[in-house]
Amino acid sequence: MNNWERMKAGRLYNADSKDLEQYHKFGMETCDKFNRTPLWRKKRKQRLLEKLIPSAKDGGAAIFAPFYCEYGVNIHFGKGCFATINVHFWTVRRLRWRMVCG
């Protein structure tokens, strides 16, 4: 099991390992693109968000920039979740958000 697989599984891993570099670079660059995309380009922002967080598809999540994460792979949103400005997700273990109506 390589360090990427260990991290996704929530196990101990070496954050400085070479096998994580490409995933880390992808996550950080995608966040940067998301944050620099103007609000009026909603479809592009949504596509970028879905690249990082697959559960954001089909309205699964709405996030206002700036938004920061390293990998995105362990972030899971329930349908209709919303995160406002300056969200930081530095997750190694799974993070699940769900909408709670009261």
PDB file of N, CA and C in Angstrom:
ATOM      1  N   MET A   1       0.853  -1.173   0.000  1.00  0.00           N
ATOM      2  CA  MET A   1       0.000   0.000   0.000  1.00  0.00           C
ATOM      3  C   MET A   1       0.901   1.240   0.000  1.00  0.00           C
ATOM      4  N   ASN A   2       0.697   2.122  -0.993  1.00  0.00           N
ATOM      5  CA  ASN A   2       1.520   3.328  -1.035  1.00  0.00           C
ATOM      6  C   ASN A   2       0.934   4.412  -0.118  1.00  0.00           C
ATOM      7  N   ASN A   3       1.625   5.523  -0.010  1.00  0.00           N
ATOM      8  CA  ASN A   3       1.216   6.577   0.921  1.00  0.00           C
ATOM      9  C   ASN A   3      -0.109   7.231   0.522  1.00  0.00           C
ATOM     10  N   TRP A   4      -0.404   7.329  -0.764  1.00  0.00           N
ATOM     11  CA  TRP A   4      -1.683   7.859  -1.226  1.00  0.00           C
ATOM     12  C   TRP A   4      -2.833   6.970  -0.738  1.00  0.00           C
ATOM     13  N   GLU A   5      -2.681   5.674  -0.901  1.00  0.00           N
ATOM     14  CA  GLU A   5      -3.711   4.732  -0.454  1.00  0.00           C
ATOM     15  C   GLU A   5      -3.854   4.752   1.064  1.00  0.00           C
ATOM     16  N   ARG A   6      -2.730   4.872   1.771  1.00  0.00           N
ATOM     17  CA  ARG A   6      -2.768   4.930   3.232  1.00  0.00           C
ATOM     18  C   ARG A   6      -3.493   6.196   3.699  1.00  0.00           C
ATOM     19  N   MET A   7      -3.199   7.327   3.059  1.00  0.00           N
ATOM     20  CA  MET A   7      -3.847   8.574   3.438  1.00  0.00           C
ATOM     21  C   MET A   7      -5.353   8.502   3.186  1.00  0.00           C
ATOM     22  N   LYS A   8      -5.756   7.997   2.029  1.00  0.00           N
ATOM     23  CA  LYS A   8      -7.184   7.882   1.714  1.00  0.00           C
ATOM     24  C   LYS A   8      -7.907   6.968   2.695  1.00  0.00           C
ATOM     25  N   ALA A   9      -7.202   5.990   3.211  1.00  0.00           N
ATOM     26  CA  ALA A   9      -7.790   5.046   4.163  1.00  0.00           C
ATOM     27  C   ALA A   9      -7.758   5.568   5.604  1.00  0.00           C
ATOM     28  N   GLY A  10      -7.141   6.743   5.812  1.00  0.00           N
ATOM     29  CA  GLY A  10      -7.074   7.310   7.157  1.00  0.00           C
ATOM     30  C   GLY A  10      -6.001   6.686   8.018  1.00  0.00           C
ATOM     31  N   ARG A  11      -5.027   6.064   7.372  1.00  0.00           N
ATOM     32  CA  ARG A  11      -3.935   5.428   8.118  1.00  0.00           C
ATOM     33  C   ARG A  11      -2.720   6.345   8.154  1.00  0.00           C
ATOM     34  N   LEU A  12      -1.756   6.012   8.990  1.00  0.00           N
ATOM     35  CA  LEU A  12      -0.518   6.781   9.047  1.00  0.00           C
ATOM     36  C   LEU A  12       0.183   6.720   7.692  1.00  0.00           C
ATOM     37  N   TYR A  13       0.742   7.860   7.278  1.00  0.00           N
ATOM     38  CA  TYR A  13       1.439   7.930   5.997  1.00  0.00           C
ATOM     39  C   TYR A  13       2.532   8.983   6.084  1.00  0.00           C
ATOM     40  N   ASN A  14       3.424   8.982   5.127  1.00  0.00           N
ATOM     41  CA  ASN A  14       4.513   9.939   5.060  1.00  0.00           C
ATOM     42  C   ASN A  14       4.094  11.075   4.129  1.00  0.00           C
ATOM     43  N   ALA A  15       3.805  12.249   4.678  1.00  0.00           N
ATOM     44  CA  ALA A  15       3.328  13.384   3.884  1.00  0.00           C
ATOM     45  C   ALA A  15       4.386  13.923   2.931  1.00  0.00           C
ATOM     46  N   ASP A  16       5.652  13.592   3.160  1.00  0.00           N
ATOM     47  CA  ASP A  16       6.733  14.053   2.284  1.00  0.00           C
ATOM     48  C   ASP A  16       7.089  13.058   1.186  1.00  0.00           C
ATOM     49  N   SER A  17       6.315  12.010   1.045  1.00  0.00           N
ATOM     50  CA  SER A  17       6.663  10.977   0.071  1.00  0.00           C
ATOM     51  C   SER A  17       6.433  11.455  -1.363  1.00  0.00           C
ATOM     52  N   LYS A  18       7.219  10.930  -2.264  1.00  0.00           N
ATOM     53  CA  LYS A  18       7.143  11.294  -3.684  1.00  0.00           C
ATOM     54  C   LYS A  18       5.802  10.919  -4.300  1.00  0.00           C
ATOM     55  N   ASP A  19       5.184   9.827  -3.837  1.00  0.00           N
ATOM     56  CA  ASP A  19       3.931   9.392  -4.457  1.00  0.00           C
ATOM     57  C   ASP A  19       2.755  10.317  -4.141  1.00  0.00           C
ATOM     58  N   LEU A  20       2.901  11.228  -3.191  1.00  0.00           N
ATOM     59  CA  LEU A  20       1.839  12.186  -2.887  1.00  0.00           C
ATOM     60  C   LEU A  20       2.002  13.516  -3.608  1.00  0.00           C
ATOM     61  N   GLU A  21       3.188  13.784  -4.136  1.00  0.00           N
ATOM     62  CA  GLU A  21       3.473  15.085  -4.740  1.00  0.00           C
ATOM     63  C   GLU A  21       2.480  15.466  -5.829  1.00  0.00           C
ATOM     64  N   GLN A  22       2.203  14.563  -6.733  1.00  0.00           N
ATOM     65  CA  GLN A  22       1.309  14.896  -7.853  1.00  0.00           C
ATOM     66  C   GLN A  22      -0.103  15.184  -7.375  1.00  0.00           C
ATOM     67  N   TYR A  23      -0.579  14.437  -6.372  1.00  0.00           N
ATOM     68  CA  TYR A  23      -1.924  14.655  -5.833  1.00  0.00           C
ATOM     69  C   TYR A  23      -2.012  15.983  -5.082  1.00  0.00           C
ATOM     70  N   HIS A  24      -0.977  16.278  -4.328  1.00  0.00           N
ATOM     71  CA  HIS A  24      -0.928  17.533  -3.573  1.00  0.00           C
ATOM     72  C   HIS A  24      -0.897  18.725  -4.533  1.00  0.00           C
ATOM     73  N   LYS A  25      -0.061  18.638  -5.546  1.00  0.00           N
ATOM     74  CA  LYS A  25       0.040  19.711  -6.541  1.00  0.00           C
ATOM     75  C   LYS A  25      -1.300  19.915  -7.238  1.00  0.00           C
ATOM     76  N   PHE A  26      -1.949  18.838  -7.631  1.00  0.00           N
ATOM     77  CA  PHE A  26      -3.250  18.924  -8.295  1.00  0.00           C
ATOM     78  C   PHE A  26      -4.272  19.612  -7.389  1.00  0.00           C
ATOM     79  N   GLY A  27      -4.343  19.217  -6.128  1.00  0.00           N
ATOM     80  CA  GLY A  27      -5.297  19.806  -5.197  1.00  0.00           C
ATOM     81  C   GLY A  27      -5.060  21.283  -4.976  1.00  0.00           C
ATOM     82  N   MET A  28      -3.824  21.652  -4.754  1.00  0.00           N
ATOM     83  CA  MET A  28      -3.502  23.052  -4.486  1.00  0.00           C
ATOM     84  C   MET A  28      -3.735  23.921  -5.732  1.00  0.00           C
ATOM     85  N   GLU A  29      -3.357  23.423  -6.903  1.00  0.00           N
ATOM     86  CA  GLU A  29      -3.561  24.184  -8.141  1.00  0.00           C
ATOM     87  C   GLU A  29      -5.048  24.324  -8.471  1.00  0.00           C
ATOM     88  N   THR A  30      -5.823  23.270  -8.233  1.00  0.00           N
ATOM     89  CA  THR A  30      -7.259  23.328  -8.509  1.00  0.00           C
ATOM     90  C   THR A  30      -7.948  24.303  -7.556  1.00  0.00           C
ATOM     91  N   CYS A  31      -7.557  24.305  -6.295  1.00  0.00           N
ATOM     92  CA  CYS A  31      -8.096  25.292  -5.343  1.00  0.00           C
ATOM     93  C   CYS A  31      -7.760  26.710  -5.799  1.00  0.00           C
ATOM     94  N   ASP A  32      -6.542  26.915  -6.246  1.00  0.00           N
ATOM     95  CA  ASP A  32      -6.129  28.234  -6.710  1.00  0.00           C
ATOM     96  C   ASP A  32      -6.971  28.680  -7.904  1.00  0.00           C
ATOM     97  N   LYS A  33      -7.195  27.784  -8.848  1.00  0.00           N
ATOM     98  CA  LYS A  33      -8.035  28.115 -10.011  1.00  0.00           C
ATOM     99  C   LYS A  33      -9.463  28.433  -9.582  1.00  0.00           C
ATOM    100  N   PHE A  34      -9.999  27.625  -8.658  1.00  0.00           N
ATOM    101  CA  PHE A  34     -11.356  27.861  -8.140  1.00  0.00           C
ATOM    102  C   PHE A  34     -11.444  29.254  -7.514  1.00  0.00           C
ATOM    103  N   ASN A  35     -10.469  29.596  -6.697  1.00  0.00           N
ATOM    104  CA  ASN A  35     -10.494  30.875  -5.985  1.00  0.00           C
ATOM    105  C   ASN A  35     -10.316  32.069  -6.914  1.00  0.00           C
ATOM    106  N   ARG A  36      -9.621  31.904  -8.035  1.00  0.00           N
ATOM    107  CA  ARG A  36      -9.401  33.002  -8.972  1.00  0.00           C
ATOM    108  C   ARG A  36     -10.487  33.114 -10.034  1.00  0.00           C
ATOM    109  N   THR A  37     -11.374  32.141 -10.119  1.00  0.00           N
ATOM    110  CA  THR A  37     -12.448  32.178 -11.108  1.00  0.00           C
ATOM    111  C   THR A  37     -13.542  33.134 -10.634  1.00  0.00           C
ATOM    112  N   PRO A  38     -13.949  34.081 -11.502  1.00  0.00           N
ATOM    113  CA  PRO A  38     -14.980  35.045 -11.096  1.00  0.00           C
ATOM    114  C   PRO A  38     -16.321  34.370 -10.790  1.00  0.00           C
ATOM    115  N   LEU A  39     -17.102  34.987  -9.939  1.00  0.00           N
ATOM    116  CA  LEU A  39     -18.410  34.445  -9.537  1.00  0.00           C
ATOM    117  C   LEU A  39     -19.335  34.209 -10.727  1.00  0.00           C
ATOM    118  N   TRP A  40     -19.260  35.063 -11.732  1.00  0.00           N
ATOM    119  CA  TRP A  40     -20.173  34.938 -12.859  1.00  0.00           C
ATOM    120  C   TRP A  40     -19.873  33.701 -13.716  1.00  0.00           C
ATOM    121  N   ARG A  41     -18.744  33.047 -13.516  1.00  0.00           N
ATOM    122  CA  ARG A  41     -18.413  31.813 -14.247  1.00  0.00           C
ATOM    123  C   ARG A  41     -18.786  30.610 -13.387  1.00  0.00           C
ATOM    124  N   LYS A  42     -20.061  30.510 -13.062  1.00  0.00           N
ATOM    125  CA  LYS A  42     -20.568  29.493 -12.144  1.00  0.00           C
ATOM    126  C   LYS A  42     -20.277  28.067 -12.598  1.00  0.00           C
ATOM    127  N   LYS A  43     -20.458  27.788 -13.880  1.00  0.00           N
ATOM    128  CA  LYS A  43     -20.231  26.416 -14.370  1.00  0.00           C
ATOM    129  C   LYS A  43     -18.772  26.010 -14.218  1.00  0.00           C
ATOM    130  N   ARG A  44     -17.865  26.925 -14.528  1.00  0.00           N
ATOM    131  CA  ARG A  44     -16.431  26.617 -14.372  1.00  0.00           C
ATOM    132  C   ARG A  44     -16.094  26.377 -12.900  1.00  0.00           C
ATOM    133  N   LYS A  45     -16.607  27.231 -12.015  1.00  0.00           N
ATOM    134  CA  LYS A  45     -16.351  27.054 -10.583  1.00  0.00           C
ATOM    135  C   LYS A  45     -16.874  25.703 -10.110  1.00  0.00           C
ATOM    136  N   GLN A  46     -18.066  25.327 -10.569  1.00  0.00           N
ATOM    137  CA  GLN A  46     -18.646  24.052 -10.161  1.00  0.00           C
ATOM    138  C   GLN A  46     -17.807  22.883 -10.672  1.00  0.00           C
ATOM    139  N   ARG A  47     -17.349  22.954 -11.921  1.00  0.00           N
ATOM    140  CA  ARG A  47     -16.498  21.881 -12.477  1.00  0.00           C
ATOM    141  C   ARG A  47     -15.206  21.732 -11.677  1.00  0.00           C
ATOM    142  N   LEU A  48     -14.586  22.848 -11.329  1.00  0.00           N
ATOM    143  CA  LEU A  48     -13.354  22.798 -10.532  1.00  0.00           C
ATOM    144  C   LEU A  48     -13.609  22.185  -9.167  1.00  0.00           C
ATOM    145  N   LEU A  49     -14.709  22.577  -8.545  1.00  0.00           N
ATOM    146  CA  LEU A  49     -15.063  22.015  -7.240  1.00  0.00           C
ATOM    147  C   LEU A  49     -15.290  20.510  -7.335  1.00  0.00           C
ATOM    148  N   GLU A  50     -15.946  20.071  -8.398  1.00  0.00           N
ATOM    149  CA  GLU A  50     -16.218  18.640  -8.587  1.00  0.00           C
ATOM    150  C   GLU A  50     -14.950  17.842  -8.856  1.00  0.00           C
ATOM    151  N   LYS A  51     -13.937  18.481  -9.443  1.00  0.00           N
ATOM    152  CA  LYS A  51     -12.648  17.792  -9.631  1.00  0.00           C
ATOM    153  C   LYS A  51     -12.016  17.464  -8.285  1.00  0.00           C
ATOM    154  N   LEU A  52     -12.150  18.384  -7.343  1.00  0.00           N
ATOM    155  CA  LEU A  52     -11.578  18.186  -6.009  1.00  0.00           C
ATOM    156  C   LEU A  52     -12.443  17.288  -5.143  1.00  0.00           C
ATOM    157  N   ILE A  53     -13.750  17.529  -5.185  1.00  0.00           N
ATOM    158  CA  ILE A  53     -14.685  16.843  -4.290  1.00  0.00           C
ATOM    159  C   ILE A  53     -15.779  16.203  -5.139  1.00  0.00           C
ATOM    160  N   PRO A  54     -15.613  14.951  -5.528  1.00  0.00           N
ATOM    161  CA  PRO A  54     -16.597  14.310  -6.408  1.00  0.00           C
ATOM    162  C   PRO A  54     -18.030  14.343  -5.885  1.00  0.00           C
ATOM    163  N   SER A  55     -18.229  14.342  -4.566  1.00  0.00           N
ATOM    164  CA  SER A  55     -19.590  14.364  -4.033  1.00  0.00           C
ATOM    165  C   SER A  55     -20.267  15.721  -4.211  1.00  0.00           C
ATOM    166  N   ALA A  56     -19.548  16.717  -4.710  1.00  0.00           N
ATOM    167  CA  ALA A  56     -20.130  18.036  -4.983  1.00  0.00           C
ATOM    168  C   ALA A  56     -20.967  18.019  -6.261  1.00  0.00           C
ATOM    169  N   LYS A  57     -20.929  16.934  -6.999  1.00  0.00           N
ATOM    170  CA  LYS A  57     -21.678  16.838  -8.256  1.00  0.00           C
ATOM    171  C   LYS A  57     -23.174  16.926  -8.013  1.00  0.00           C
ATOM    172  N   ASP A  58     -23.859  17.410  -9.027  1.00  0.00           N
ATOM    173  CA  ASP A  58     -25.323  17.499  -9.016  1.00  0.00           C
ATOM    174  C   ASP A  58     -25.858  18.302  -7.837  1.00  0.00           C
ATOM    175  N   GLY A  59     -25.183  19.391  -7.513  1.00  0.00           N
ATOM    176  CA  GLY A  59     -25.668  20.253  -6.436  1.00  0.00           C
ATOM    177  C   GLY A  59     -25.380  19.731  -5.051  1.00  0.00           C
ATOM    178  N   GLY A  60     -24.450  18.794  -4.936  1.00  0.00           N
ATOM    179  CA  GLY A  60     -24.119  18.229  -3.635  1.00  0.00           C
ATOM    180  C   GLY A  60     -23.448  19.204  -2.696  1.00  0.00           C
ATOM    181  N   ALA A  61     -22.882  20.292  -3.249  1.00  0.00           N
ATOM    182  CA  ALA A  61     -22.216  21.270  -2.395  1.00  0.00           C
ATOM    183  C   ALA A  61     -22.109  22.605  -3.107  1.00  0.00           C
ATOM    184  N   ALA A  62     -22.162  23.641  -2.330  1.00  0.00           N
ATOM    185  CA  ALA A  62     -21.897  24.992  -2.822  1.00  0.00           C
ATOM    186  C   ALA A  62     -20.892  25.612  -1.869  1.00  0.00           C
ATOM    187  N   ILE A  63     -19.824  26.163  -2.421  1.00  0.00           N
ATOM    188  CA  ILE A  63     -18.771  26.759  -1.602  1.00  0.00           C
ATOM    189  C   ILE A  63     -18.410  28.111  -2.194  1.00  0.00           C
ATOM    190  N   PHE A  64     -18.338  29.137  -1.347  1.00  0.00           N
ATOM    191  CA  PHE A  64     -17.875  30.446  -1.776  1.00  0.00           C
ATOM    192  C   PHE A  64     -16.364  30.517  -1.591  1.00  0.00           C
ATOM    193  N   ALA A  65     -15.705  31.158  -2.532  1.00  0.00           N
ATOM    194  CA  ALA A  65     -14.262  31.371  -2.432  1.00  0.00           C
ATOM    195  C   ALA A  65     -13.977  32.465  -1.402  1.00  0.00           C
ATOM    196  N   PRO A  66     -12.824  32.424  -0.786  1.00  0.00           N
ATOM    197  CA  PRO A  66     -11.773  31.436  -0.994  1.00  0.00           C
ATOM    198  C   PRO A  66     -12.043  30.134  -0.242  1.00  0.00           C
ATOM    199  N   PHE A  67     -11.591  29.086  -0.865  1.00  0.00           N
ATOM    200  CA  PHE A  67     -11.730  27.730  -0.344  1.00  0.00           C
ATOM    201  C   PHE A  67     -10.364  27.068  -0.469  1.00  0.00           C
ATOM    202  N   TYR A  68      -9.953  26.355   0.562  1.00  0.00           N
ATOM    203  CA  TYR A  68      -8.634  25.719   0.566  1.00  0.00           C
ATOM    204  C   TYR A  68      -8.724  24.274   1.026  1.00  0.00           C
ATOM    205  N   CYS A  69      -8.043  23.402   0.328  1.00  0.00           N
ATOM    206  CA  CYS A  69      -7.848  22.023   0.780  1.00  0.00           C
ATOM    207  C   CYS A  69      -6.584  21.513   0.110  1.00  0.00           C
ATOM    208  N   GLU A  70      -6.059  20.415   0.623  1.00  0.00           N
ATOM    209  CA  GLU A  70      -4.853  19.848   0.032  1.00  0.00           C
ATOM    210  C   GLU A  70      -5.183  18.846  -1.066  1.00  0.00           C
ATOM    211  N   TYR A  71      -6.047  17.919  -0.767  1.00  0.00           N
ATOM    212  CA  TYR A  71      -6.320  16.833  -1.703  1.00  0.00           C
ATOM    213  C   TYR A  71      -7.788  16.772  -2.128  1.00  0.00           C
ATOM    214  N   GLY A  72      -8.713  16.956  -1.207  1.00  0.00           N
ATOM    215  CA  GLY A  72     -10.137  16.910  -1.508  1.00  0.00           C
ATOM    216  C   GLY A  72     -10.739  15.522  -1.483  1.00  0.00           C
ATOM    217  N   VAL A  73      -9.914  14.514  -1.604  1.00  0.00           N
ATOM    218  CA  VAL A  73     -10.389  13.138  -1.762  1.00  0.00           C
ATOM    219  C   VAL A  73     -11.175  12.624  -0.560  1.00  0.00           C
ATOM    220  N   ASN A  74     -10.891  13.118   0.616  1.00  0.00           N
ATOM    221  CA  ASN A  74     -11.574  12.632   1.823  1.00  0.00           C
ATOM    222  C   ASN A  74     -12.688  13.562   2.295  1.00  0.00           C
ATOM    223  N   ILE A  75     -13.114  14.489   1.440  1.00  0.00           N
ATOM    224  CA  ILE A  75     -14.203  15.394   1.777  1.00  0.00           C
ATOM    225  C   ILE A  75     -15.463  14.887   1.086  1.00  0.00           C
ATOM    226  N   HIS A  76     -16.524  14.728   1.846  1.00  0.00           N
ATOM    227  CA  HIS A  76     -17.790  14.209   1.313  1.00  0.00           C
ATOM    228  C   HIS A  76     -18.933  15.116   1.752  1.00  0.00           C
ATOM    229  N   PHE A  77     -19.729  15.571   0.793  1.00  0.00           N
ATOM    230  CA  PHE A  77     -20.858  16.441   1.069  1.00  0.00           C
ATOM    231  C   PHE A  77     -22.166  15.719   0.831  1.00  0.00           C
ATOM    232  N   GLY A  78     -23.114  15.940   1.699  1.00  0.00           N
ATOM    233  CA  GLY A  78     -24.477  15.493   1.465  1.00  0.00           C
ATOM    234  C   GLY A  78     -25.159  16.485   0.536  1.00  0.00           C
ATOM    235  N   LYS A  79     -26.278  16.117  -0.015  1.00  0.00           N
ATOM    236  CA  LYS A  79     -27.008  16.956  -0.960  1.00  0.00           C
ATOM    237  C   LYS A  79     -27.392  18.291  -0.320  1.00  0.00           C
ATOM    238  N   GLY A  80     -27.104  19.378  -1.027  1.00  0.00           N
ATOM    239  CA  GLY A  80     -27.541  20.688  -0.593  1.00  0.00           C
ATOM    240  C   GLY A  80     -26.682  21.381   0.446  1.00  0.00           C
ATOM    241  N   CYS A  81     -25.473  20.919   0.684  1.00  0.00           N
ATOM    242  CA  CYS A  81     -24.612  21.557   1.687  1.00  0.00           C
ATOM    243  C   CYS A  81     -24.022  22.857   1.151  1.00  0.00           C
ATOM    244  N   PHE A  82     -23.773  23.770   2.064  1.00  0.00           N
ATOM    245  CA  PHE A  82     -23.234  25.076   1.714  1.00  0.00           C
ATOM    246  C   PHE A  82     -22.121  25.430   2.688  1.00  0.00           C
ATOM    247  N   ALA A  83     -21.020  25.905   2.151  1.00  0.00           N
ATOM    248  CA  ALA A  83     -19.912  26.386   2.977  1.00  0.00           C
ATOM    249  C   ALA A  83     -19.590  27.804   2.524  1.00  0.00           C
ATOM    250  N   THR A  84     -19.447  28.684   3.463  1.00  0.00           N
ATOM    251  CA  THR A  84     -19.270  30.087   3.121  1.00  0.00           C
ATOM    252  C   THR A  84     -17.790  30.454   2.966  1.00  0.00           C
ATOM    253  N   ILE A  85     -17.493  31.701   2.938  1.00  0.00           N
ATOM    254  CA  ILE A  85     -16.164  32.243   2.629  1.00  0.00           C
ATOM    255  C   ILE A  85     -15.106  31.794   3.639  1.00  0.00           C
ATOM    256  N   ASN A  86     -13.878  31.608   3.133  1.00  0.00           N
ATOM    257  CA  ASN A  86     -12.698  31.239   3.923  1.00  0.00           C
ATOM    258  C   ASN A  86     -12.788  29.854   4.546  1.00  0.00           C
ATOM    259  N   VAL A  87     -13.212  28.893   3.781  1.00  0.00           N
ATOM    260  CA  VAL A  87     -13.290  27.514   4.255  1.00  0.00           C
ATOM    261  C   VAL A  87     -11.934  26.842   4.056  1.00  0.00           C
ATOM    262  N   HIS A  88     -11.458  26.166   5.098  1.00  0.00           N
ATOM    263  CA  HIS A  88     -10.205  25.425   5.050  1.00  0.00           C
ATOM    264  C   HIS A  88     -10.486  23.985   5.465  1.00  0.00           C
ATOM    265  N   PHE A  89     -10.202  23.047   4.584  1.00  0.00           N
ATOM    266  CA  PHE A  89     -10.328  21.631   4.910  1.00  0.00           C
ATOM    267  C   PHE A  89      -8.948  21.004   4.799  1.00  0.00           C
ATOM    268  N   TRP A  90      -8.290  20.767   5.901  1.00  0.00           N
ATOM    269  CA  TRP A  90      -7.002  20.077   5.903  1.00  0.00           C
ATOM    270  C   TRP A  90      -7.271  18.694   6.486  1.00  0.00           C
ATOM    271  N   THR A  91      -7.807  17.840   5.660  1.00  0.00           N
ATOM    272  CA  THR A  91      -8.265  16.546   6.147  1.00  0.00           C
ATOM    273  C   THR A  91      -7.399  15.419   5.628  1.00  0.00           C
ATOM    274  N   VAL A  92      -7.152  14.515   6.484  1.00  0.00           N
ATOM    275  CA  VAL A  92      -6.520  13.257   6.115  1.00  0.00           C
ATOM    276  C   VAL A  92      -7.574  12.168   6.249  1.00  0.00           C
ATOM    277  N   ARG A  93      -8.289  12.208   7.343  1.00  0.00           N
ATOM    278  CA  ARG A  93      -9.382  11.267   7.541  1.00  0.00           C
ATOM    279  C   ARG A  93     -10.615  11.808   6.849  1.00  0.00           C
ATOM    280  N   ARG A  94     -11.620  10.999   6.723  1.00  0.00           N
ATOM    281  CA  ARG A  94     -12.841  11.420   6.047  1.00  0.00           C
ATOM    282  C   ARG A  94     -13.546  12.540   6.788  1.00  0.00           C
ATOM    283  N   LEU A  95     -14.022  13.486   6.019  1.00  0.00           N
ATOM    284  CA  LEU A  95     -14.823  14.582   6.537  1.00  0.00           C
ATOM    285  C   LEU A  95     -16.154  14.533   5.811  1.00  0.00           C
ATOM    286  N   ARG A  96     -17.226  14.391   6.551  1.00  0.00           N
ATOM    287  CA  ARG A  96     -18.562  14.321   5.951  1.00  0.00           C
ATOM    288  C   ARG A  96     -19.403  15.492   6.438  1.00  0.00           C
ATOM    289  N   TRP A  97     -20.000  16.184   5.482  1.00  0.00           N
ATOM    290  CA  TRP A  97     -20.929  17.264   5.777  1.00  0.00           C
ATOM    291  C   TRP A  97     -22.275  16.857   5.257  1.00  0.00           C
ATOM    292  N   ARG A  98     -23.303  17.168   6.023  1.00  0.00           N
ATOM    293  CA  ARG A  98     -24.648  16.906   5.529  1.00  0.00           C
ATOM    294  C   ARG A  98     -25.542  18.072   5.933  1.00  0.00           C
ATOM    295  N   MET A  99     -26.578  18.271   5.166  1.00  0.00           N
ATOM    296  CA  MET A  99     -27.500  19.348   5.451  1.00  0.00           C
ATOM    297  C   MET A  99     -28.430  18.910   6.572  1.00  0.00           C
ATOM    298  N   VAL A 100     -28.594  19.769   7.555  1.00  0.00           N
ATOM    299  CA  VAL A 100     -29.504  19.487   8.660  1.00  0.00           C
ATOM    300  C   VAL A 100     -30.562  20.582   8.649  1.00  0.00           C
ATOM    301  N   CYS A 101     -31.782  20.200   8.470  1.00  0.00           N
ATOM    302  CA  CYS A 101     -32.884  21.173   8.483  1.00  0.00           C
ATOM    303  C   CYS A 101     -33.570  21.121   9.837  1.00  0.00           C
ATOM    304  N   GLY A 102     -33.898  22.297  10.330  1.00  0.00           N
ATOM    305  CA  GLY A 102     -34.328  22.296  11.661  1.00  0.00           C
ATOM    306  C   GLY A 102     -35.666  22.587  12.065  1.00  0.00           C
TER     307      GLY A 102
END
